[in-house]
N, C-alpha and C. Protein backbone atom coordinates (compact mmCIF):
# COMPACT_ATOMS: atom_id res chain seq x y z
N UNK A 1 11.66 -8.42 -6.41
CA UNK A 1 10.39 -9.08 -5.54
C UNK A 1 11.02 -9.13 -4.36
N UNK A 2 9.76 -8.85 -3.46
CA UNK A 2 9.88 -9.17 -1.73
C UNK A 2 9.62 -9.70 -1.02
N UNK A 3 9.85 -10.89 -0.43
CA UNK A 3 8.75 -11.70 0.62
C UNK A 3 8.55 -11.05 1.77
N UNK A 4 7.08 -11.12 2.37
CA UNK A 4 6.93 -10.27 3.18
C UNK A 4 7.66 -10.38 4.51
N UNK A 5 7.93 -11.97 4.64
CA UNK A 5 9.03 -11.93 6.41
C UNK A 5 10.34 -11.44 6.10
N UNK A 6 10.79 -11.28 4.93
CA UNK A 6 12.15 -11.24 5.11
C UNK A 6 12.63 -9.68 5.42
N UNK A 7 11.99 -8.71 6.01
CA UNK A 7 12.16 -7.48 6.42
C UNK A 7 13.00 -7.76 7.25
N UNK A 8 13.98 -7.13 8.19
CA UNK A 8 14.91 -6.83 9.42
C UNK A 8 14.74 -5.66 9.88
N UNK A 9 14.88 -5.79 11.03
CA UNK A 9 14.70 -4.62 11.99
C UNK A 9 16.15 -3.61 11.95
N UNK A 10 15.83 -2.42 12.00
CA UNK A 10 16.76 -1.57 11.71
C UNK A 10 17.26 -1.24 12.96
N UNK A 11 18.68 -1.04 13.12
CA UNK A 11 18.97 -0.53 14.15
C UNK A 11 19.24 0.72 14.30
N UNK A 12 19.18 1.38 15.58
CA UNK A 12 19.06 2.72 15.86
C UNK A 12 20.62 3.12 15.41
N UNK A 13 20.80 4.34 14.77
CA UNK A 13 22.31 4.99 14.28
C UNK A 13 22.86 5.81 15.60
N UNK A 14 23.88 5.62 15.92
CA UNK A 14 24.62 6.19 16.84
C UNK A 14 25.47 7.47 15.86
N UNK A 15 25.92 8.61 16.33
CA UNK A 15 26.66 9.34 16.46
C UNK A 15 26.97 10.42 17.19
N UNK A 16 28.02 10.86 17.16
CA UNK A 16 28.93 11.59 18.41
C UNK A 16 28.33 13.46 17.90
N UNK A 17 27.51 13.88 18.79
CA UNK A 17 27.46 15.30 18.60
C UNK A 17 27.96 16.03 19.24
N UNK A 18 28.43 17.61 19.26
CA UNK A 18 29.01 18.45 19.91
C UNK A 18 27.99 19.04 20.96
N UNK A 19 27.94 19.24 22.02
CA UNK A 19 27.28 19.85 22.86
C UNK A 19 27.85 21.24 23.17
N UNK A 20 27.43 22.01 24.07
CA UNK A 20 28.20 23.09 24.63
C UNK A 20 29.53 22.93 25.54
N UNK A 21 29.55 22.00 26.29
CA UNK A 21 30.77 22.18 27.07
C UNK A 21 31.20 20.55 26.41
N UNK A 22 30.71 19.49 26.24
CA UNK A 22 31.42 18.30 26.12
C UNK A 22 30.78 17.39 24.78
N UNK A 23 31.17 16.07 24.49
CA UNK A 23 30.82 15.72 23.02
C UNK A 23 30.07 14.63 23.69
N UNK A 24 28.65 14.30 23.10
CA UNK A 24 27.83 12.98 23.67
C UNK A 24 27.61 12.14 22.59
N UNK A 25 27.54 10.88 22.79
CA UNK A 25 26.48 9.73 21.91
C UNK A 25 25.13 10.16 21.69
N UNK A 26 24.74 10.28 20.42
CA UNK A 26 23.22 10.61 20.48
C UNK A 26 22.82 9.37 19.81
N UNK A 27 21.76 8.90 20.02
CA UNK A 27 20.97 7.71 19.41
C UNK A 27 19.90 8.40 18.43
N UNK A 28 20.04 7.84 17.01
CA UNK A 28 18.98 9.03 16.16
C UNK A 28 18.14 7.31 15.43
N UNK A 29 16.76 7.39 15.37
CA UNK A 29 16.28 6.43 14.99
C UNK A 29 16.28 6.46 13.43
N UNK A 30 16.38 5.61 12.71
CA UNK A 30 16.29 5.72 11.54
C UNK A 30 14.89 5.79 10.91
N UNK A 31 14.54 6.51 9.56
CA UNK A 31 13.22 7.06 8.99
C UNK A 31 12.89 5.74 8.84
N UNK A 32 11.16 5.56 9.06
CA UNK A 32 10.73 4.31 8.61
C UNK A 32 10.31 4.65 7.12
N UNK A 33 10.30 4.15 6.59
CA UNK A 33 9.48 3.72 5.38
C UNK A 33 8.12 3.21 5.11
N UNK A 34 7.69 3.24 4.15
CA UNK A 34 6.33 3.09 3.95
C UNK A 34 6.33 1.09 3.65
N UNK A 35 7.25 0.86 3.00
CA UNK A 35 7.85 -0.98 2.96
C UNK A 35 7.50 -1.35 4.35
N UNK A 36 8.80 -0.69 5.36
CA UNK A 36 8.89 -1.18 6.28
C UNK A 36 7.82 -1.39 7.13
N UNK A 37 6.64 -0.09 6.96
CA UNK A 37 5.55 -0.16 7.95
C UNK A 37 4.77 -1.04 7.56
N UNK A 38 4.27 -1.71 6.15
CA UNK A 38 3.33 -2.50 5.67
C UNK A 38 4.11 -3.91 6.06
N UNK A 39 5.28 -4.34 5.98
CA UNK A 39 5.66 -5.42 6.33
C UNK A 39 5.66 -5.89 7.66
N UNK A 40 5.78 -4.94 8.47
CA UNK A 40 5.69 -4.72 10.01
C UNK A 40 4.37 -5.65 10.30
N UNK A 41 3.02 -4.60 9.91
CA UNK A 41 1.68 -4.55 9.95
C UNK A 41 1.23 -6.05 9.70
N UNK A 42 1.55 -6.65 8.24
CA UNK A 42 1.10 -7.86 7.72
C UNK A 42 1.85 -9.00 8.04
N UNK A 43 2.90 -8.97 8.89
CA UNK A 43 4.09 -9.80 9.13
C UNK A 43 3.42 -11.22 9.73
N UNK A 44 2.39 -11.18 10.67
CA UNK A 44 2.28 -12.07 11.65
C UNK A 44 0.70 -12.96 10.66
N UNK A 45 0.38 -12.32 9.71
CA UNK A 45 -1.05 -12.57 8.56
C UNK A 45 -0.56 -13.38 7.75
N UNK A 46 0.61 -12.58 7.07
CA UNK A 46 1.12 -13.14 5.65
C UNK A 46 2.17 -14.05 5.60
N UNK A 47 2.25 -15.08 5.54
CA UNK A 47 3.45 -15.71 6.03
C UNK A 47 4.30 -16.24 4.50
N UNK A 48 4.64 -16.99 4.68
CA UNK A 48 6.10 -17.31 3.65
C UNK A 48 5.55 -17.30 2.07
N UNK A 49 4.16 -17.47 1.87
CA UNK A 49 3.32 -18.15 0.75
C UNK A 49 2.76 -16.66 0.21
N UNK A 50 2.86 -15.45 0.61
CA UNK A 50 3.01 -14.12 0.47
C UNK A 50 3.81 -13.28 -0.34
N UNK A 51 3.95 -12.72 -1.11
CA UNK A 51 5.03 -11.72 -2.12
C UNK A 51 4.58 -10.32 -2.09
N UNK A 52 5.14 -9.59 -2.13
CA UNK A 52 4.94 -8.10 -2.43
C UNK A 52 6.02 -7.22 -3.12
N UNK A 53 5.28 -6.96 -4.16
CA UNK A 53 6.36 -6.08 -5.17
C UNK A 53 6.27 -4.26 -5.27
N UNK A 54 7.05 -3.67 -5.16
CA UNK A 54 6.62 -2.33 -5.35
C UNK A 54 7.05 -1.91 -6.46
N UNK A 55 6.25 -0.53 -6.30
CA UNK A 55 6.08 0.55 -8.19
C UNK A 55 5.88 -0.44 -9.38
N UNK A 56 4.96 -1.24 -9.49
CA UNK A 56 4.48 -2.14 -10.90
C UNK A 56 3.61 -0.93 -11.40
N UNK A 57 4.27 -1.29 -12.83
CA UNK A 57 3.56 -0.15 -13.70
C UNK A 57 2.51 -1.35 -14.65
N UNK A 58 1.05 -1.13 -14.14
CA UNK A 58 0.34 -1.92 -15.19
C UNK A 58 -0.64 -0.82 -16.20
N UNK A 59 -0.42 -0.69 -17.45
CA UNK A 59 -1.08 0.21 -18.27
C UNK A 59 -0.41 1.12 -17.71
N UNK A 60 -1.22 2.62 -17.79
CA UNK A 60 -0.64 3.77 -17.53
C UNK A 60 -0.65 4.03 -15.73
N UNK A 61 -1.08 3.26 -14.91
CA UNK A 61 -1.15 3.14 -13.49
C UNK A 61 0.04 2.84 -13.02
N UNK A 62 0.86 3.61 -12.32
CA UNK A 62 1.57 2.90 -11.06
C UNK A 62 1.58 2.55 -9.99
N UNK A 63 1.19 1.16 -9.62
CA UNK A 63 0.75 1.03 -8.02
C UNK A 63 2.13 0.99 -7.32
N UNK A 64 1.70 1.41 -6.17
CA UNK A 64 3.17 1.69 -4.95
C UNK A 64 3.35 0.24 -4.23
N UNK A 65 2.52 -0.65 -4.16
CA UNK A 65 2.64 -2.07 -3.83
C UNK A 65 1.53 -3.08 -4.49
N UNK A 66 1.96 -4.12 -4.57
CA UNK A 66 1.28 -5.34 -4.95
C UNK A 66 1.72 -6.64 -3.89
N UNK A 67 0.16 -6.81 -3.28
CA UNK A 67 0.65 -8.05 -2.40
C UNK A 67 -0.08 -9.01 -3.32
N UNK A 68 0.69 -10.20 -3.39
CA UNK A 68 0.48 -11.51 -3.76
C UNK A 68 0.04 -12.71 -2.89
N UNK A 69 -0.91 -13.15 -2.67
CA UNK A 69 -1.00 -14.41 -1.88
C UNK A 69 -1.87 -15.38 -2.28
N UNK A 70 -2.27 -16.67 -1.49
CA UNK A 70 -3.23 -17.28 -1.69
C UNK A 70 -4.80 -16.74 -1.34
N UNK A 71 -4.78 -15.94 -0.83
CA UNK A 71 -6.15 -15.18 -0.56
C UNK A 71 -6.39 -14.12 -1.84
N UNK A 72 -5.75 -13.96 -2.62
CA UNK A 72 -5.97 -12.88 -3.96
C UNK A 72 -4.65 -11.84 -4.16
N UNK A 73 -5.03 -10.90 -4.47
CA UNK A 73 -4.00 -9.65 -5.28
C UNK A 73 -4.51 -8.75 -4.56
N UNK A 74 -3.55 -7.88 -3.81
CA UNK A 74 -3.99 -6.67 -2.85
C UNK A 74 -3.42 -5.73 -3.51
N UNK A 75 -4.12 -4.74 -4.13
CA UNK A 75 -3.39 -3.44 -4.70
C UNK A 75 -3.28 -2.30 -3.97
N UNK A 76 -2.08 -1.48 -3.08
CA UNK A 76 -1.82 -0.35 -2.61
C UNK A 76 -1.52 0.63 -3.37
N UNK A 77 -2.49 1.58 -3.03
CA UNK A 77 -2.20 3.10 -3.72
C UNK A 77 -1.73 3.86 -2.63
N UNK A 78 -0.81 4.55 -2.22
CA UNK A 78 -0.48 5.85 -1.37
C UNK A 78 -0.74 6.95 -1.83
N UNK A 79 -1.22 8.25 -1.14
CA UNK A 79 -1.78 9.42 -1.18
C UNK A 79 -0.84 10.21 -0.63
N UNK A 80 -0.07 10.90 -0.87
CA UNK A 80 1.02 11.61 -0.29
C UNK A 80 0.51 13.25 0.68
N UNK A 81 -0.99 13.20 0.27
CA UNK A 81 -0.87 14.59 0.65
C UNK A 81 -0.78 14.82 2.24
N UNK A 82 -0.27 16.18 2.58
CA UNK A 82 -0.16 16.47 3.86
C UNK A 82 -1.45 17.46 4.19
N UNK A 83 -2.69 17.36 3.80
CA UNK A 83 -3.58 18.51 4.30
C UNK A 83 -4.62 17.49 4.37
N UNK A 84 -5.72 18.35 5.54
CA UNK A 84 -6.92 16.98 5.80
C UNK A 84 -7.68 16.87 4.62
N UNK A 85 -8.21 15.76 4.74
CA UNK A 85 -9.09 15.37 3.57
C UNK A 85 -10.49 14.68 4.10
N UNK A 86 -11.57 15.37 3.30
CA UNK A 86 -12.62 14.75 3.72
C UNK A 86 -13.38 14.10 2.38
N UNK A 87 -14.02 12.85 2.62
CA UNK A 87 -14.47 11.88 1.07
C UNK A 87 -15.52 11.27 1.56
N UNK A 88 -16.42 11.32 0.43
CA UNK A 88 -17.69 11.00 0.77
C UNK A 88 -17.93 10.32 -0.83
N UNK A 89 -18.92 9.18 -1.21
CA UNK A 89 -18.87 8.64 -2.68
C UNK A 89 -18.93 9.68 -3.81
N UNK A 90 -19.52 11.05 -3.43
CA UNK A 90 -19.80 12.02 -4.29
C UNK A 90 -18.67 12.54 -5.00
N UNK A 91 -17.75 13.44 -3.45
CA UNK A 91 -16.76 14.13 -3.57
C UNK A 91 -15.32 14.21 -2.83
N UNK A 92 -14.32 14.35 -3.12
CA UNK A 92 -13.20 14.54 -2.04
C UNK A 92 -12.45 15.54 -2.08
N UNK A 93 -12.29 16.05 -0.91
CA UNK A 93 -12.34 17.74 -0.67
C UNK A 93 -11.29 17.70 0.30
N UNK A 94 -9.93 18.65 -0.35
CA UNK A 94 -8.91 19.08 0.46
C UNK A 94 -9.33 20.12 0.94
N UNK A 95 -8.21 20.24 2.43
CA UNK A 95 -8.32 21.83 3.00
C UNK A 95 -7.11 22.52 2.63
N UNK A 96 -7.36 23.57 2.34
CA UNK A 96 -6.36 24.88 1.78
C UNK A 96 -6.29 25.87 2.85
N UNK A 97 -5.11 26.58 2.91
CA UNK A 97 -5.66 27.72 3.61
C UNK A 97 -7.01 28.83 3.40
N UNK A 98 -7.19 28.97 2.30
CA UNK A 98 -8.50 29.41 1.60
C UNK A 98 -9.54 28.99 1.69
N UNK A 99 -9.63 27.53 2.00
CA UNK A 99 -10.70 26.69 2.37
C UNK A 99 -11.20 25.16 1.73
N UNK A 100 -12.13 24.55 1.38
CA UNK A 100 -11.94 23.53 0.82
C UNK A 100 -11.83 23.17 -0.72
N UNK A 101 -11.01 22.66 -1.23
CA UNK A 101 -10.88 22.47 -2.39
C UNK A 101 -11.51 21.19 -3.25
N UNK A 102 -12.32 21.05 -3.90
CA UNK A 102 -12.74 19.60 -4.28
C UNK A 102 -11.56 19.45 -5.67
N UNK A 103 -11.46 18.10 -5.28
CA UNK A 103 -10.45 17.02 -5.94
C UNK A 103 -11.00 16.45 -7.19
N UNK A 104 -10.78 16.38 -8.63
CA UNK A 104 -11.51 15.68 -9.66
C UNK A 104 -10.02 15.20 -10.51
N UNK A 105 -9.89 14.37 -10.86
CA UNK A 105 -11.27 12.90 -10.38
C UNK A 105 -11.43 12.51 -9.06
N UNK A 106 -12.18 11.82 -8.38
CA UNK A 106 -12.35 11.25 -7.36
C UNK A 106 -11.31 10.22 -7.40
N UNK A 107 -10.53 10.35 -6.08
CA UNK A 107 -9.60 8.84 -6.00
C UNK A 107 -9.97 7.70 -6.12
N UNK A 108 -11.52 7.68 -5.43
CA UNK A 108 -11.93 6.37 -5.15
C UNK A 108 -12.06 5.98 -6.80
N UNK A 109 -12.82 6.83 -7.80
CA UNK A 109 -12.88 6.28 -9.36
C UNK A 109 -12.13 5.91 -9.63
N UNK A 110 -10.89 6.67 -9.60
CA UNK A 110 -9.55 5.98 -9.93
C UNK A 110 -8.84 4.90 -9.75
N UNK A 111 -9.50 4.41 -8.54
CA UNK A 111 -8.89 2.94 -7.96
C UNK A 111 -9.80 2.22 -8.46
N UNK A 112 -11.06 2.44 -8.36
CA UNK A 112 -12.33 1.46 -9.26
C UNK A 112 -11.63 0.93 -10.42
N UNK A 113 -11.51 2.10 -11.12
CA UNK A 113 -11.01 1.86 -12.67
C UNK A 113 -9.82 0.95 -12.67
N UNK A 114 -8.64 1.26 -11.89
CA UNK A 114 -7.73 0.72 -11.93
C UNK A 114 -8.21 -0.52 -11.59
N UNK A 115 -8.47 -0.90 -10.30
CA UNK A 115 -8.92 -2.55 -10.11
C UNK A 115 -9.60 -3.10 -11.28
N UNK A 116 -10.62 -2.80 -11.83
CA UNK A 116 -10.95 -3.53 -12.95
C UNK A 116 -9.82 -3.73 -13.92
N UNK A 117 -9.04 -2.70 -14.52
CA UNK A 117 -8.30 -2.94 -15.35
C UNK A 117 -7.14 -4.01 -15.17
N UNK A 118 -6.74 -4.31 -13.71
CA UNK A 118 -6.04 -5.32 -12.85
C UNK A 118 -6.53 -6.55 -13.16
N UNK A 119 -7.83 -6.37 -12.95
CA UNK A 119 -8.41 -7.96 -12.93
C UNK A 119 -8.70 -8.46 -13.96
N UNK A 120 -8.55 -7.44 -15.06
CA UNK A 120 -8.95 -7.98 -16.86
C UNK A 120 -7.64 -8.72 -17.05
N UNK A 121 -6.66 -8.19 -16.77
CA UNK A 121 -5.02 -8.38 -17.07
C UNK A 121 -4.57 -9.30 -16.81
N UNK A 122 -4.94 -9.52 -15.31
CA UNK A 122 -4.93 -11.00 -14.45
C UNK A 122 -5.32 -12.10 -15.27
N UNK A 123 -6.92 -11.54 -15.45
CA UNK A 123 -7.50 -13.22 -16.00
C UNK A 123 -7.17 -13.39 -17.50
N UNK A 124 -6.84 -12.16 -18.32
CA UNK A 124 -5.86 -13.04 -19.42
C UNK A 124 -4.72 -13.67 -19.27
N UNK A 125 -3.88 -13.21 -18.52
CA UNK A 125 -2.55 -13.68 -18.23
C UNK A 125 -2.92 -15.14 -17.23
N UNK A 126 -3.62 -14.91 -16.70
CA UNK A 126 -3.81 -16.26 -15.60
C UNK A 126 -4.80 -17.48 -16.52
N UNK A 127 -5.58 -16.88 -17.20
CA UNK A 127 -6.70 -18.39 -17.68
C UNK A 127 -7.63 -18.39 -16.24
N UNK A 128 -7.79 -17.47 -15.66
CA UNK A 128 -8.97 -17.71 -14.72
C UNK A 128 -9.40 -16.50 -13.66
N UNK A 129 -10.33 -16.05 -13.02
CA UNK A 129 -10.52 -15.04 -12.51
C UNK A 129 -9.85 -15.14 -11.10
N UNK A 130 -9.03 -13.50 -11.09
CA UNK A 130 -8.56 -13.50 -9.83
C UNK A 130 -8.80 -12.81 -8.80
N UNK A 131 -9.07 -13.02 -7.82
CA UNK A 131 -9.60 -11.65 -6.77
C UNK A 131 -8.64 -10.34 -6.56
N UNK A 132 -9.04 -9.53 -6.77
CA UNK A 132 -8.13 -8.30 -6.70
C UNK A 132 -8.87 -7.31 -5.67
N UNK A 133 -8.43 -6.87 -4.35
CA UNK A 133 -8.57 -6.08 -3.63
C UNK A 133 -7.72 -4.51 -3.47
N UNK A 134 -8.50 -3.54 -3.63
CA UNK A 134 -7.65 -2.40 -3.59
C UNK A 134 -7.48 -1.83 -2.56
N UNK A 135 -6.89 -0.72 -2.25
CA UNK A 135 -6.67 -0.13 -0.84
C UNK A 135 -6.17 1.81 -1.12
N UNK A 136 -6.58 2.66 -0.69
CA UNK A 136 -6.04 3.49 -0.86
C UNK A 136 -5.54 4.38 0.68
N UNK A 137 -4.21 4.35 0.73
CA UNK A 137 -3.59 4.77 2.29
C UNK A 137 -3.29 6.50 2.34
N UNK A 138 -4.05 7.25 3.18
CA UNK A 138 -3.27 8.46 3.15
C UNK A 138 -2.64 8.74 4.29
N UNK A 139 -0.92 8.58 4.43
CA UNK A 139 -0.32 8.02 5.74
C UNK A 139 0.07 9.19 6.03
N UNK A 140 0.07 10.19 5.57
CA UNK A 140 0.42 12.05 6.10
C UNK A 140 -0.43 12.87 6.02
N UNK A 141 -1.37 12.39 6.06
CA UNK A 141 -2.79 13.66 6.21
C UNK A 141 -2.85 13.50 7.67
N UNK A 142 -3.20 14.76 8.26
CA UNK A 142 -3.07 15.06 9.76
C UNK A 142 -4.77 14.53 9.78
N UNK A 143 -5.63 14.79 9.19
CA UNK A 143 -7.09 14.36 9.53
C UNK A 143 -7.91 13.93 8.39
N UNK A 144 -8.22 12.55 8.13
CA UNK A 144 -9.09 11.87 7.33
C UNK A 144 -10.27 11.50 7.75
N UNK A 145 -11.49 12.09 6.88
CA UNK A 145 -12.87 11.90 7.18
C UNK A 145 -13.45 11.02 6.15
N UNK A 146 -13.79 9.90 6.45
CA UNK A 146 -14.81 8.91 5.38
C UNK A 146 -15.55 9.13 5.74
N UNK A 147 -17.03 9.42 4.59
CA UNK A 147 -18.27 8.71 4.93
C UNK A 147 -18.85 8.57 3.87
N UNK A 148 -19.74 6.84 3.80
CA UNK A 148 -20.46 5.94 3.26
C UNK A 148 -19.36 6.02 1.63
N UNK A 149 -18.22 5.63 2.36
CA UNK A 149 -17.05 4.68 1.01
C UNK A 149 -17.39 3.40 1.12
N UNK A 150 -17.77 2.54 0.18
CA UNK A 150 -17.44 1.21 -0.05
C UNK A 150 -16.37 0.65 0.12
N UNK A 151 -14.91 1.55 -0.47
CA UNK A 151 -13.79 1.11 -1.06
C UNK A 151 -13.02 1.09 0.26
N UNK A 152 -11.60 0.34 0.41
CA UNK A 152 -10.72 0.58 1.44
C UNK A 152 -10.14 1.54 1.51
N UNK A 153 -10.39 2.65 2.32
CA UNK A 153 -9.55 4.04 2.47
C UNK A 153 -9.15 4.11 4.09
N UNK A 154 -8.16 4.61 4.30
CA UNK A 154 -7.46 4.96 5.64
C UNK A 154 -6.60 5.59 5.82
N UNK A 155 -6.10 6.09 7.01
CA UNK A 155 -5.23 6.95 7.23
C UNK A 155 -3.75 5.76 7.66
N UNK A 156 -4.02 4.51 7.81
CA UNK A 156 -2.90 3.59 8.32
C UNK A 156 -2.88 2.37 7.11
N UNK A 157 -1.78 1.90 7.18
CA UNK A 157 -1.66 0.30 6.61
C UNK A 157 -2.49 -1.28 7.23
N UNK A 158 -2.93 -0.60 8.74
CA UNK A 158 -3.78 -1.16 9.60
C UNK A 158 -4.79 -2.09 8.75
N UNK A 159 -5.79 -1.42 8.06
CA UNK A 159 -6.54 -1.86 6.90
C UNK A 159 -6.26 -3.03 5.86
N UNK A 160 -4.85 -3.02 5.74
CA UNK A 160 -4.71 -4.08 4.59
C UNK A 160 -4.60 -5.42 5.57
N UNK A 161 -4.31 -5.39 6.71
CA UNK A 161 -3.88 -6.60 7.73
C UNK A 161 -5.83 -7.17 8.11
N UNK A 162 -6.28 -6.13 8.27
CA UNK A 162 -7.89 -6.49 8.63
C UNK A 162 -8.41 -7.23 7.37
N UNK A 163 -8.50 -6.42 6.19
CA UNK A 163 -9.07 -7.20 5.12
C UNK A 163 -8.49 -8.95 4.81
N UNK A 164 -7.31 -8.92 5.08
CA UNK A 164 -6.56 -10.22 4.57
C UNK A 164 -6.84 -11.15 5.33
N UNK A 165 -7.26 -10.72 7.13
CA UNK A 165 -7.52 -11.74 8.21
C UNK A 165 -8.82 -11.75 7.89
N UNK A 166 -10.00 -11.15 7.44
CA UNK A 166 -11.38 -11.10 7.03
C UNK A 166 -11.38 -11.84 5.86
N UNK A 167 -10.62 -12.36 5.05
CA UNK A 167 -11.02 -12.80 3.84
C UNK A 167 -10.21 -14.30 4.18
N UNK A 168 -11.69 -15.29 4.02
CA UNK A 168 -11.52 -16.70 4.76
C UNK A 168 -10.50 -17.77 3.60
N UNK A 169 -11.33 -17.43 2.28
CA UNK A 169 -11.23 -18.82 1.12
C UNK A 169 -9.37 -18.12 0.58
N UNK A 170 -8.74 -19.14 0.40
CA UNK A 170 -7.81 -19.21 -0.37
C UNK A 170 -7.73 -19.76 -1.69
N UNK A 171 -8.23 -18.76 -2.63
CA UNK A 171 -8.20 -19.15 -4.12
C UNK A 171 -7.13 -19.49 -5.07
N UNK A 172 -5.96 -19.18 -4.74
CA UNK A 172 -5.16 -19.14 -5.19
C UNK A 172 -4.14 -20.26 -5.20
N UNK A 173 -3.66 -20.95 -5.98
CA UNK A 173 -2.33 -21.89 -5.96
C UNK A 173 -1.11 -21.35 -5.94
N UNK A 174 -0.57 -22.21 -5.83
CA UNK A 174 1.11 -21.54 -5.71
C UNK A 174 1.77 -21.59 -7.04
N UNK A 175 1.53 -22.32 -7.85
CA UNK A 175 1.78 -22.03 -9.13
C UNK A 175 1.35 -20.41 -9.69
N UNK A 176 0.07 -19.99 -9.59
CA UNK A 176 -0.82 -19.17 -9.81
C UNK A 176 -0.35 -17.94 -9.39
N UNK A 177 0.25 -18.01 -8.03
CA UNK A 177 0.54 -16.80 -7.27
C UNK A 177 2.27 -16.36 -7.69
N UNK A 178 3.01 -17.33 -7.90
CA UNK A 178 4.30 -17.42 -8.71
C UNK A 178 3.88 -16.59 -10.13
N UNK A 179 2.77 -17.13 -10.60
CA UNK A 179 3.04 -16.40 -12.07
C UNK A 179 2.40 -15.23 -11.98
N UNK A 180 1.63 -14.85 -11.20
CA UNK A 180 1.28 -13.30 -11.23
C UNK A 180 2.26 -12.37 -10.40
N UNK A 181 3.03 -13.05 -9.50
CA UNK A 181 4.20 -12.49 -8.77
C UNK A 181 5.40 -12.28 -9.78
N UNK A 182 5.47 -13.25 -10.67
CA UNK A 182 6.58 -12.99 -11.92
C UNK A 182 6.04 -12.06 -12.95
N UNK A 183 5.00 -11.87 -13.45
CA UNK A 183 4.17 -10.65 -14.01
C UNK A 183 4.47 -9.12 -13.82
N UNK A 184 4.07 -9.31 -12.32
CA UNK A 184 4.48 -7.99 -12.03
C UNK A 184 5.47 -7.95 -11.52
N UNK A 185 6.52 -8.38 -11.13
CA UNK A 185 7.92 -8.21 -11.35
C UNK A 185 8.44 -7.49 -12.53
N UNK A 186 8.11 -8.40 -13.53
CA UNK A 186 8.56 -7.55 -14.49
C UNK A 186 8.13 -6.31 -15.27
N UNK A 187 7.08 -5.98 -14.55
CA UNK A 187 6.62 -4.47 -14.47
C UNK A 187 6.87 -3.26 -13.64
N UNK A 188 7.74 -4.01 -12.91
CA UNK A 188 8.01 -3.26 -11.92
C UNK A 188 8.79 -1.94 -12.54
N UNK A 189 8.98 -0.90 -11.60
CA UNK A 189 9.54 0.57 -12.09
C UNK A 189 10.72 0.70 -10.77
N UNK A 190 11.74 1.08 -11.17
CA UNK A 190 12.75 1.14 -10.48
C UNK A 190 12.71 2.61 -9.97
N UNK A 191 12.55 3.23 -9.22
CA UNK A 191 12.92 4.55 -8.69
C UNK A 191 14.21 4.80 -7.83
């Protein structure tokens, strides 16, 4: 389990490199992980009462991130495709060297099915309805075109912060938050 505000900035790495005539010290910035990006973006919106759990397996689905806080449960699924994506309510297409290729099943249908499943599981576990919001993020795609989609789909993790900021009601108590976070951490898949 990871509390959102515990992320520490990584220092750049320094190493000696051999140049043509002399050695010099080169500064290499460490690679940024998706976890660091999410924490950096939502650090100011989500204070100490939020928790983030990585790689949670609920049923057949493995969720990349589950954020639990007073405003509800936020599921984040990452699609790591490196080609351009065009998505509408009816179809999802990837750009390939041979043209556009339709993807079945539609990622949004999978996300909706997963969200409904998580809602029903959490309702059974907590004894009350728990607000669940899901996100589909394409961080590695060079171009994402989204048309007429009601779900939260974006290229960056900024959409998570926007939705959390717009959610005004705080519906979950501290005990419920801890119960959900414990339930999710028990189902965490360690990679």
